[in-house]
Amino acid sequence: MGAYLIRRCMQGVLVVFIVTVLVFCLLHALPGGPARAILGEKANATEVAAFARANNLGRPLPVQYLLWVGQLLRGNLGHSYNQNQSVMALIVQRLPKTLILTTLALLLSLVLGISLGMLQAVRRNGVIDGVTSVLSLAGYSAPTFLTGILGIWLLAIHWRIVPAQAPQGTSALGVLEDPRGLILPVLVLGVGATAAFSRYMRSSAIENLVQDYVRVARAKGVSSGRILRAHVARNALGPIATQAGLFMPVLFAGAVITESVFNYPGMGLLFWNAALSRDYPTEVGVVLVVAIATVIGSLLADVVYAVLDPRIVYVARRS
């Protein structure tokens, strides 16, 4: 297990390195260069030249990249001139709120997706399977902004069950003080993930239900419920664990729209406003944080997968 984790960590570091190279290249490919892009069109030539000198933009690109990575390693993600704050301060303020939203949405989608997937597998090719499959396809295909608008109209305006606006607390604790305001954003963000997990769980459970160990257990008189809980569910959860880790960027992409629709003060709304105002340092900082979070999520998913199925570690060791 130790060698497997070390190998996966090295692969994660490589992925983060590739992301930093791509972000650096895209930043320097902006019209007018990074100095003009960051300062905006209203900056004069003197201001652009002074900014370039202060940020070593006149040096060769490899040197600029090394200096920039050195700043990143020290926690300096740049300065947002639009909001007159450091990008790190903005992310530290918004990141816990987005983590609350995405974590709740992920947990909800895992519980519902696994339950629906197992139900579809047991009742496959029946009415329940057909109806659930149609609903899953609709939930997976529907754009997040459309789901959000429909949720506001139905649950907040028509039925008046939950408020239409998300909590506006300045801190993570402030957000948690209004749990009713979190219900609608969590539901909207979790719709697509629930549909995807239910489809993966259905396919994985059906594949395990026809295996020989299930037939042997049934021949021994083991009840269907015990077979599903003790055997099928554990073996079928492996692919779900991997997909849960890979869903981090998908959830963040959905959080950008969800937070904008419900005015939720998280990183998604921060990224959205930065894109509208061409606040490139903030955009770059958010992209890097999401990339690191994706790598960590993928690593955790692989660890969970290895715990659920030790054969993964054995195969990796042999390869």
Protein backbone atom coordinates (compact mmCIF):
# COMPACT_ATOMS: atom_id res chain seq x y z
CA MET A 1 0.00 0.00 0.00
CA GLY A 2 2.84 2.41 0.84
CA ALA A 3 4.52 2.09 -2.56
CA TYR A 4 1.14 2.45 -4.26
CA LEU A 5 0.40 5.69 -2.39
CA ILE A 6 3.85 7.10 -3.15
CA ARG A 7 3.37 6.35 -6.84
CA ARG A 8 -0.05 8.01 -6.86
CA CYS A 9 1.30 11.07 -5.02
CA MET A 10 4.08 11.45 -7.59
CA GLN A 11 1.50 11.25 -10.37
CA GLY A 12 -0.55 13.93 -8.61
CA VAL A 13 2.47 16.24 -8.37
CA LEU A 14 3.06 15.72 -12.09
CA VAL A 15 -0.54 16.67 -12.87
CA VAL A 16 -0.28 19.87 -10.79
CA PHE A 17 2.99 20.72 -12.58
CA ILE A 18 1.31 20.31 -15.98
CA VAL A 19 -1.58 22.52 -14.84
CA THR A 20 0.80 25.28 -13.74
CA VAL A 21 2.60 25.15 -17.10
CA LEU A 22 -0.69 25.38 -19.01
CA VAL A 23 -1.97 28.24 -16.84
CA PHE A 24 1.35 30.10 -17.22
CA CYS A 25 1.28 29.69 -21.01
CA LEU A 26 -2.36 30.80 -21.27
CA LEU A 27 -1.68 33.85 -19.11
CA HIS A 28 1.17 34.93 -21.38
CA ALA A 29 -0.94 34.27 -24.48
CA LEU A 30 -3.48 36.94 -23.48
CA PRO A 31 -3.73 39.93 -25.87
CA GLY A 32 -1.15 42.52 -24.88
CA GLY A 33 0.59 40.14 -22.49
CA PRO A 34 -0.12 39.49 -18.80
CA ALA A 35 0.69 43.05 -17.69
CA ARG A 36 -1.87 44.66 -20.01
CA ALA A 37 -4.44 41.93 -19.29
CA ILE A 38 -4.13 42.31 -15.51
CA LEU A 39 -4.04 46.11 -15.38
CA GLY A 40 -6.79 46.56 -17.95
CA GLU A 41 -7.22 48.70 -21.02
CA LYS A 42 -7.25 51.98 -19.07
CA ALA A 43 -3.65 51.56 -17.87
CA ASN A 44 -1.12 53.68 -19.74
CA ALA A 45 2.19 52.51 -21.16
CA THR A 46 4.14 53.78 -18.14
CA GLU A 47 2.01 51.80 -15.71
CA VAL A 48 2.25 48.66 -17.85
CA ALA A 49 6.04 48.98 -18.07
CA ALA A 50 6.34 49.52 -14.30
CA PHE A 51 4.15 46.47 -13.62
CA ALA A 52 6.24 44.36 -16.00
CA ARG A 53 9.47 45.40 -14.26
CA ALA A 54 8.03 44.76 -10.78
CA ASN A 55 6.88 41.29 -11.78
CA ASN A 56 9.98 40.25 -13.78
CA LEU A 57 7.98 40.02 -17.02
CA GLY A 58 10.95 41.16 -19.07
CA ARG A 59 13.00 38.07 -18.24
CA PRO A 60 13.05 34.84 -20.31
CA LEU A 61 9.91 32.73 -19.98
CA PRO A 62 11.59 29.80 -18.16
CA VAL A 63 12.95 32.23 -15.55
CA GLN A 64 9.53 33.88 -15.22
CA TYR A 65 7.93 30.48 -14.71
CA LEU A 66 10.38 29.47 -11.97
CA LEU A 67 9.91 32.80 -10.17
CA TRP A 68 6.14 32.48 -10.47
CA VAL A 69 6.13 28.92 -9.11
CA GLY A 70 8.36 30.08 -6.27
CA GLN A 71 5.71 32.66 -5.36
CA LEU A 72 3.00 29.99 -5.54
CA LEU A 73 4.92 27.71 -3.19
CA ARG A 74 5.09 30.57 -0.68
CA GLY A 75 1.33 31.01 -0.87
CA ASN A 76 1.42 34.14 -3.02
CA LEU A 77 -1.25 33.73 -5.71
CA GLY A 78 -1.07 37.33 -6.83
CA HIS A 79 -3.12 40.46 -6.18
CA SER A 80 -6.64 41.27 -7.32
CA TYR A 81 -6.53 44.87 -8.50
CA ASN A 82 -10.29 44.91 -9.00
CA GLN A 83 -10.99 44.06 -5.34
CA ASN A 84 -7.71 45.46 -3.97
CA GLN A 85 -7.00 42.28 -2.03
CA SER A 86 -4.61 39.39 -2.30
CA VAL A 87 -6.01 36.42 -4.19
CA MET A 88 -5.08 34.13 -1.31
CA ALA A 89 -7.17 36.21 1.12
CA LEU A 90 -10.15 36.05 -1.24
CA ILE A 91 -9.85 32.28 -1.64
CA VAL A 92 -9.38 31.66 2.10
CA GLN A 93 -12.56 33.66 2.72
CA ARG A 94 -14.63 31.87 0.07
CA LEU A 95 -13.22 28.32 -0.03
CA PRO A 96 -14.83 27.01 3.21
CA LYS A 97 -18.27 28.07 1.98
CA THR A 98 -17.84 26.25 -1.32
CA LEU A 99 -16.52 23.18 0.50
CA ILE A 100 -19.69 23.14 2.61
CA LEU A 101 -21.87 23.35 -0.50
CA THR A 102 -19.98 20.76 -2.56
CA THR A 103 -19.51 18.33 0.34
CA LEU A 104 -23.22 18.35 1.19
CA ALA A 105 -24.12 17.95 -2.49
CA LEU A 106 -21.63 15.08 -2.89
CA LEU A 107 -22.88 13.25 0.21
CA LEU A 108 -26.51 13.69 -0.85
CA SER A 109 -25.80 12.49 -4.39
CA LEU A 110 -23.85 9.47 -3.12
CA VAL A 111 -26.65 8.38 -0.78
CA LEU A 112 -29.39 8.87 -3.36
CA GLY A 113 -27.34 7.62 -6.32
CA ILE A 114 -26.20 4.41 -4.61
CA SER A 115 -29.70 3.69 -3.30
CA LEU A 116 -31.36 4.32 -6.67
CA GLY A 117 -28.68 2.34 -8.51
CA MET A 118 -29.13 -0.69 -6.27
CA LEU A 119 -32.91 -0.44 -6.66
CA GLN A 120 -32.57 -0.29 -10.44
CA ALA A 121 -30.23 -3.28 -10.46
CA VAL A 122 -32.56 -5.40 -8.36
CA ARG A 123 -35.63 -4.32 -10.37
CA ARG A 124 -33.83 -4.14 -13.71
CA ASN A 125 -35.88 -4.07 -16.90
CA GLY A 126 -39.01 -3.33 -14.88
CA VAL A 127 -41.21 -0.29 -14.49
CA ILE A 128 -39.17 1.16 -11.62
CA ASP A 129 -35.96 0.73 -13.58
CA GLY A 130 -37.46 2.39 -16.66
CA VAL A 131 -38.90 5.39 -14.80
CA THR A 132 -35.73 5.90 -12.74
CA SER A 133 -33.56 5.65 -15.86
CA VAL A 134 -35.60 8.35 -17.61
CA LEU A 135 -35.40 10.62 -14.57
CA SER A 136 -31.65 10.00 -14.26
CA LEU A 137 -31.11 10.87 -17.92
CA ALA A 138 -33.15 14.06 -17.52
CA GLY A 139 -31.26 15.05 -14.38
CA TYR A 140 -27.88 14.37 -15.95
CA SER A 141 -28.73 16.23 -19.16
CA ALA A 142 -30.43 19.30 -17.67
CA PRO A 143 -28.19 22.41 -17.46
CA THR A 144 -27.50 23.55 -13.92
CA PHE A 145 -28.92 27.03 -14.47
CA LEU A 146 -32.19 25.52 -15.75
CA THR A 147 -32.43 23.19 -12.76
CA GLY A 148 -31.78 26.14 -10.46
CA ILE A 149 -34.46 28.31 -12.05
CA LEU A 150 -37.01 25.48 -11.97
CA GLY A 151 -36.11 24.77 -8.34
CA ILE A 152 -36.62 28.42 -7.39
CA TRP A 153 -39.96 28.59 -9.20
CA LEU A 154 -41.28 25.31 -7.77
CA LEU A 155 -39.87 25.11 -4.22
CA ALA A 156 -39.37 28.79 -3.35
CA ILE A 157 -42.10 30.66 -5.25
CA HIS A 158 -44.89 28.16 -5.91
CA TRP A 159 -44.72 25.95 -2.80
CA ARG A 160 -42.72 28.37 -0.59
CA ILE A 161 -40.90 25.53 1.15
CA VAL A 162 -37.41 27.05 1.11
CA PRO A 163 -36.00 30.54 0.50
CA ALA A 164 -34.92 31.48 -3.01
CA GLN A 165 -31.62 33.04 -1.90
CA ALA A 166 -28.71 31.15 -0.39
CA PRO A 167 -27.26 32.08 3.03
CA GLN A 168 -25.27 35.31 2.96
CA GLY A 169 -23.03 34.71 5.97
CA THR A 170 -19.55 36.22 5.89
CA SER A 171 -18.03 33.01 7.28
CA ALA A 172 -18.62 29.28 7.07
CA LEU A 173 -20.36 29.34 10.47
CA GLY A 174 -22.55 32.17 9.24
CA VAL A 175 -23.61 30.06 6.28
CA LEU A 176 -24.44 27.09 8.52
CA GLU A 177 -26.64 29.28 10.69
CA ASP A 178 -29.20 29.32 7.87
CA PRO A 179 -29.61 25.61 6.95
CA ARG A 180 -32.92 26.20 5.12
CA GLY A 181 -31.15 28.48 2.70
CA LEU A 182 -28.70 25.68 1.83
CA ILE A 183 -31.37 23.16 0.86
CA LEU A 184 -32.13 24.45 -2.63
CA PRO A 185 -28.49 25.07 -3.74
CA VAL A 186 -27.45 21.62 -2.45
CA LEU A 187 -30.35 19.93 -4.25
CA VAL A 188 -29.63 21.74 -7.53
CA LEU A 189 -25.90 21.04 -7.38
CA GLY A 190 -26.47 17.37 -6.52
CA VAL A 191 -28.97 16.55 -9.29
CA GLY A 192 -26.42 15.77 -12.00
CA ALA A 193 -24.11 13.85 -9.66
CA THR A 194 -27.02 11.79 -8.30
CA ALA A 195 -28.04 10.81 -11.83
CA ALA A 196 -24.47 9.86 -12.76
CA PHE A 197 -23.83 7.83 -9.59
CA SER A 198 -27.11 5.95 -9.98
CA ARG A 199 -26.16 4.89 -13.52
CA TYR A 200 -22.67 3.79 -12.44
CA MET A 201 -24.08 1.92 -9.45
CA ARG A 202 -26.72 0.19 -11.56
CA SER A 203 -24.17 -1.07 -14.08
CA SER A 204 -21.69 -2.16 -11.40
CA ALA A 205 -24.35 -3.91 -9.29
CA ILE A 206 -25.80 -5.77 -12.29
CA GLU A 207 -22.31 -6.94 -13.22
CA ASN A 208 -21.79 -8.32 -9.71
CA LEU A 209 -25.24 -9.90 -9.43
CA VAL A 210 -24.39 -12.40 -12.18
CA GLN A 211 -21.06 -13.44 -10.68
CA ASP A 212 -20.44 -16.97 -9.40
CA TYR A 213 -20.02 -15.91 -5.76
CA VAL A 214 -23.62 -14.59 -5.77
CA ARG A 215 -24.90 -17.90 -7.15
CA VAL A 216 -22.94 -19.83 -4.50
CA ALA A 217 -24.32 -17.59 -1.72
CA ARG A 218 -27.86 -18.12 -2.95
CA ALA A 219 -27.29 -21.88 -3.16
CA LYS A 220 -26.18 -21.83 0.50
CA GLY A 221 -29.46 -20.19 1.45
CA VAL A 222 -28.11 -16.72 2.18
CA SER A 223 -30.92 -14.16 2.10
CA SER A 224 -31.12 -11.68 -0.78
CA GLY A 225 -30.75 -8.73 1.57
CA ARG A 226 -27.54 -10.09 3.08
CA ILE A 227 -26.13 -10.86 -0.37
CA LEU A 228 -26.79 -7.26 -1.47
CA ARG A 229 -25.37 -5.69 1.68
CA ALA A 230 -22.40 -7.93 2.42
CA HIS A 231 -21.25 -8.90 -1.07
CA VAL A 232 -22.71 -6.99 -4.01
CA ALA A 233 -22.71 -3.52 -2.45
CA ARG A 234 -19.05 -3.59 -1.40
CA ASN A 235 -17.78 -4.88 -4.72
CA ALA A 236 -20.01 -2.49 -6.67
CA LEU A 237 -18.86 0.57 -4.69
CA GLY A 238 -15.33 0.51 -6.14
CA PRO A 239 -16.14 2.37 -9.39
CA ILE A 240 -18.36 4.77 -7.43
CA ALA A 241 -15.44 5.69 -5.16
CA THR A 242 -13.29 6.49 -8.18
CA GLN A 243 -16.04 8.55 -9.80
CA ALA A 244 -16.62 10.48 -6.55
CA GLY A 245 -13.01 11.66 -6.59
CA LEU A 246 -13.14 12.59 -10.26
CA PHE A 247 -16.38 14.52 -9.74
CA MET A 248 -14.60 17.35 -7.88
CA PRO A 249 -14.05 19.51 -10.98
CA VAL A 250 -17.56 18.67 -12.20
CA LEU A 251 -19.04 19.81 -8.90
CA PHE A 252 -17.00 23.01 -8.97
CA ALA A 253 -18.15 23.74 -12.51
CA GLY A 254 -21.70 23.28 -11.30
CA ALA A 255 -20.96 25.42 -8.23
CA VAL A 256 -19.99 28.34 -10.49
CA ILE A 257 -23.50 28.38 -11.96
CA THR A 258 -25.30 27.36 -8.76
CA GLU A 259 -23.61 30.03 -6.66
CA SER A 260 -24.36 32.63 -9.33
CA VAL A 261 -28.05 31.66 -9.51
CA PHE A 262 -28.53 31.68 -5.72
CA ASN A 263 -25.99 34.47 -4.98
CA TYR A 264 -24.04 32.12 -2.73
CA PRO A 265 -20.81 33.83 -1.56
CA GLY A 266 -18.40 31.01 -2.41
CA MET A 267 -15.50 30.40 -4.79
CA GLY A 268 -17.81 29.72 -7.72
CA LEU A 269 -19.33 33.20 -7.45
CA LEU A 270 -15.84 34.62 -6.97
CA PHE A 271 -14.68 32.96 -10.20
CA TRP A 272 -17.81 34.10 -12.05
CA ASN A 273 -17.35 37.74 -11.03
CA ALA A 274 -13.64 37.55 -11.82
CA ALA A 275 -14.41 36.26 -15.33
CA LEU A 276 -16.91 39.07 -15.93
CA SER A 277 -14.47 41.74 -14.74
CA ARG A 278 -11.37 40.18 -16.35
CA ASP A 279 -9.74 39.70 -12.96
CA TYR A 280 -7.13 37.27 -14.28
CA PRO A 281 -5.06 36.82 -11.08
CA THR A 282 -8.19 35.69 -9.22
CA GLU A 283 -9.15 33.33 -12.05
CA VAL A 284 -5.67 31.79 -12.09
CA GLY A 285 -5.68 31.36 -8.31
CA VAL A 286 -9.08 29.64 -8.32
CA VAL A 287 -8.05 27.33 -11.19
CA LEU A 288 -4.90 26.26 -9.33
CA VAL A 289 -6.81 25.59 -6.10
CA VAL A 290 -9.40 23.52 -7.96
CA ALA A 291 -6.64 21.55 -9.71
CA ILE A 292 -5.01 20.71 -6.38
CA ALA A 293 -8.39 19.78 -4.88
CA THR A 294 -9.05 17.50 -7.87
CA VAL A 295 -5.73 15.73 -7.42
CA ILE A 296 -6.39 15.25 -3.70
CA GLY A 297 -9.90 13.99 -4.40
CA SER A 298 -8.60 11.52 -6.97
CA LEU A 299 -5.93 10.29 -4.54
CA LEU A 300 -8.48 9.78 -1.76
CA ALA A 301 -10.76 7.94 -4.19
CA ASP A 302 -7.92 5.59 -5.14
CA VAL A 303 -7.19 4.90 -1.47
CA VAL A 304 -10.85 4.09 -0.80
CA TYR A 305 -10.95 1.90 -3.91
CA ALA A 306 -7.85 0.03 -2.73
CA VAL A 307 -9.46 -0.54 0.69
CA LEU A 308 -12.66 -1.84 -0.91
CA ASP A 309 -10.77 -4.04 -3.37
CA PRO A 310 -7.21 -4.99 -2.26
CA ARG A 311 -6.60 -6.54 -5.69
CA ILE A 312 -6.03 -3.01 -7.02
CA VAL A 313 -2.93 -2.56 -4.86
CA TYR A 314 -1.67 -6.02 -5.83
CA VAL A 315 -2.06 -5.33 -9.55
CA ALA A 316 -0.42 -1.93 -9.20
CA ARG A 317 2.51 -3.49 -7.34
CA ARG A 318 3.02 -6.11 -10.02
CA SER A 319 2.90 -3.53 -12.82
